[in-house]
């Protein structure tokens, strides 16, 4: 599982995930196939497993995970440097919304 909130906040997630998927890696919501990514959590796995050893699968997935982690770190640095005010405002809005809600789905 990867947590990619900064990529989502900067709206860079679709292009980043597409690059990973072109390498034969499946990226899904936290609960597997056909699930939505709740809280910007994504499951990363190999799309093709038939005929591959465990080490071959890990060898395919690991570089993509490393790439996604690198892109998320870069996005977090960008958010911190350039988007701190909107991010703080979004967090305050979310906190106020949660505080007033009687029930959350």
Foldseek 3Di string as FASTA:
>chain_A
DDAQVLCVVVVVPVVLVVVLVVLQKDKAAPVDPPDHPPNRDIDIFGNDDPPDDPVVRCVSRVVSVVSSVVVSVVSVVCCVVPVVVVVVVVVVVVVVCVVPDPDDD
